[in-house]
Protein backbone atom coordinates (compact mmCIF):
# COMPACT_ATOMS: atom_id res chain seq x y z
CA GLN A 1 71.18 -75.39 -7.70
CA VAL A 2 70.93 -77.53 -4.71
CA GLN A 3 71.06 -81.23 -4.50
CA LEU A 4 69.45 -83.02 -2.01
CA VAL A 5 70.23 -87.08 -1.03
CA GLU A 6 67.44 -88.27 1.21
CA SER A 7 67.95 -91.45 3.99
CA GLY A 8 66.44 -93.05 6.39
CA GLY A 9 63.12 -94.54 5.32
CA GLY A 10 62.08 -98.30 5.82
CA LEU A 11 59.30 -100.69 7.51
CA VAL A 12 58.04 -99.39 11.15
CA GLN A 13 55.01 -100.97 13.17
CA PRO A 14 52.38 -98.29 13.86
CA GLY A 15 53.60 -96.22 16.38
CA GLY A 16 56.96 -96.61 16.07
CA SER A 17 59.76 -94.25 14.87
CA LEU A 18 61.75 -93.70 12.31
CA ARG A 19 63.95 -90.59 11.33
CA LEU A 20 64.92 -89.16 7.95
CA SER A 21 67.52 -87.53 7.36
CA CYS A 22 68.55 -85.39 3.90
CA ALA A 23 72.14 -83.87 2.79
CA ALA A 24 72.36 -80.75 0.72
CA SER A 25 74.86 -79.72 -1.19
CA GLY A 26 74.96 -76.03 -4.09
CA SER A 27 74.01 -72.78 -3.10
CA SER A 28 73.24 -71.98 0.05
CA LEU A 29 70.95 -69.18 -1.16
CA SER A 30 68.37 -71.94 -1.87
CA MET A 31 68.71 -73.24 1.23
CA TYR A 32 67.00 -70.46 3.39
CA TYR A 33 63.56 -73.36 3.20
CA LEU A 34 64.89 -76.80 3.77
CA GLY A 35 61.81 -79.48 4.48
CA TRP A 36 60.26 -82.19 3.67
CA TYR A 37 56.89 -83.42 1.95
CA ARG A 38 54.91 -86.56 1.38
CA GLN A 39 53.10 -88.15 -1.29
CA ALA A 40 51.03 -91.71 -0.53
CA PRO A 41 49.63 -93.25 -3.86
CA GLY A 42 46.60 -91.93 -5.16
CA LYS A 43 47.21 -88.93 -3.58
CA GLN A 44 48.64 -85.61 -3.70
CA ARG A 45 52.32 -84.47 -2.35
CA GLU A 46 51.68 -82.16 0.53
CA LEU A 47 53.24 -80.30 2.94
CA VAL A 48 54.80 -82.25 5.92
CA ALA A 49 57.31 -79.39 7.77
CA ARG A 50 59.65 -77.02 7.09
CA ILE A 51 62.11 -74.80 8.89
CA LYS A 52 63.43 -71.61 8.00
CA ARG A 53 67.12 -71.05 8.47
CA SER A 54 66.26 -69.09 11.90
CA GLY A 55 65.05 -72.19 13.14
CA SER A 56 60.98 -71.86 12.72
CA THR A 57 58.92 -74.29 11.59
CA THR A 58 56.26 -74.89 10.30
CA TYR A 59 54.04 -78.36 10.29
CA ALA A 60 50.75 -80.05 9.04
CA ASP A 61 48.09 -80.26 11.35
CA SER A 62 47.98 -84.22 10.93
CA VAL A 63 51.95 -84.23 12.29
CA LYS A 64 52.08 -81.41 14.76
CA GLY A 65 52.90 -83.56 18.18
CA ARG A 66 54.51 -86.52 16.58
CA PHE A 67 57.13 -84.68 14.32
CA THR A 68 59.76 -82.73 14.38
CA ILE A 69 61.92 -81.05 11.81
CA SER A 70 65.23 -79.84 12.67
CA ARG A 71 67.94 -78.47 10.57
CA ASP A 72 72.21 -78.12 10.82
CA ASN A 73 73.06 -74.68 8.94
CA ASP A 74 77.10 -75.50 9.10
CA ASN A 75 76.52 -78.82 7.57
CA ASN A 76 73.48 -78.21 5.47
CA THR A 77 71.40 -81.23 6.40
CA VAL A 78 67.62 -81.04 7.76
CA ALA A 79 65.99 -84.11 9.71
CA LEU A 80 62.79 -85.19 10.58
CA GLN A 81 61.71 -86.95 13.41
CA MET A 82 59.10 -89.54 12.79
CA ASN A 83 57.07 -90.75 16.24
CA SER A 84 54.09 -92.40 17.30
CA LEU A 85 53.66 -93.34 13.35
CA LYS A 86 50.47 -94.42 11.76
CA PRO A 87 49.61 -96.28 8.82
CA GLU A 88 47.94 -92.75 7.51
CA ASP A 89 51.79 -91.78 7.53
CA THR A 90 52.81 -94.52 5.05
CA ALA A 91 53.61 -91.79 1.86
CA VAL A 92 57.44 -91.58 -0.55
CA TYR A 93 58.74 -88.75 1.53
CA TYR A 94 61.01 -85.91 -0.27
CA CYS A 95 63.39 -83.31 1.57
CA TYR A 96 63.02 -79.87 -0.55
CA SER A 97 65.14 -76.75 -0.21
CA GLY A 98 63.88 -72.84 -1.75
CA PRO A 99 65.31 -69.31 -1.28
CA PHE A 100 64.04 -66.81 0.56
CA GLY A 101 60.36 -65.85 -1.92
CA MET A 102 60.40 -69.54 -3.12
CA SER A 103 61.11 -68.69 -6.44
CA ALA A 104 62.27 -71.81 -6.80
CA THR A 105 62.05 -75.73 -5.13
CA TYR A 106 64.29 -78.24 -5.33
CA TRP A 107 63.56 -81.87 -4.38
CA GLY A 108 64.54 -84.92 -3.64
CA LEU A 109 64.24 -88.17 -5.16
CA GLY A 110 62.51 -89.49 -2.18
CA THR A 111 62.42 -91.90 0.84
CA GLN A 112 59.78 -94.51 1.15
CA VAL A 113 58.35 -94.69 4.58
CA THR A 114 55.65 -97.79 5.16
CA VAL A 115 53.60 -97.63 8.03
CA SER A 116 52.43 -101.37 8.71
CA SER A 117 51.94 -104.29 11.30
């Protein structure tokens, strides 16, 4: 079991930046993957970025070059630095974790990000 608590969402103007953070607690075996999904109104939840324990990263094409994911294995945290935000980035962002092989997925409650002028 893993518990995940997100922070850092809010309202930002287009072109602005936000940093999301997620604190994980529980089984470290289930933290092989840490990452972020997002879900906009009326749309399916989609992967934004994920990072393996080794530091290897994966990004959605829509955020490459604008978002950066990082993790601190000693403190079991993952962060998402979001720059050059666009209105289409507006969504609820969910932190998630999973073990090697992704036999299970754990989710945070989500944090709202709104990009609007």
